[in-house]
Amino acid sequence: MAIAGNHCEGSSAWIVVNTHPHREQMAVDHLRRQDFEVYCPMLLKRRSHARRVSAVLRPLFPSYLFVGVDATLRRWRSVRSTYGVRSGADNGDELSFLDDAFIQNLKAREVNGAVVRPANPYRVGQKVCISSGPFDGIIATIIEMDERDRLIVLLNLMSRGIKVKVNSDCVSPA
């Protein structure tokens, strides 16, 4: 799936479009034929099949993509009837619009057509302060990290070391 498409003149707002499962590319192609700017952010994922491991591009948000529209022209109504599109993400009878800055931030994080995660600010052995939950304010040491932004930290509670798994957004450097 390519990332940027035809430019819709004057588009500064984006709508979120829900596609049928595994039909993102079909929706992208049909929307581009209608001269919409379409963005489907991709992520590089590891795929293991028959003892072979390969990296493949997959949608960052499966079954969702973004369409640039001019909110004043109301031309976006044709998006809902496009092949591959299930619905628009709406709020009652009105579509919800995203600011262009959100899309530009995603595009800025792309390397070779795939959105990459920001560099992990944490490392094994680092002291962190837990900033939410029942252990709020406790200092812990990172002992392990996984690829899903979870940290295994060692807490010193009641004179014992206790392993706890926390999300990386629930800690800050100590």
Foldseek 3Di string as FASTA:
>chain_A
DFAWAADDPPFFKKWKFFFDFPLPVVLVVQVRVVRWIKGFAWAWDWDADPNDIDTDIDTPDTRMIMTTDDVVVPPCVVSCVTPGTPHICPDVPGTDIDGNVVVVVQVVQDDPRHRDDPPDPDDAQFWKAFCDDPRHGFIWGFHDADPVQKTWTWGQDPNDTDTDIDHNVRIGGD
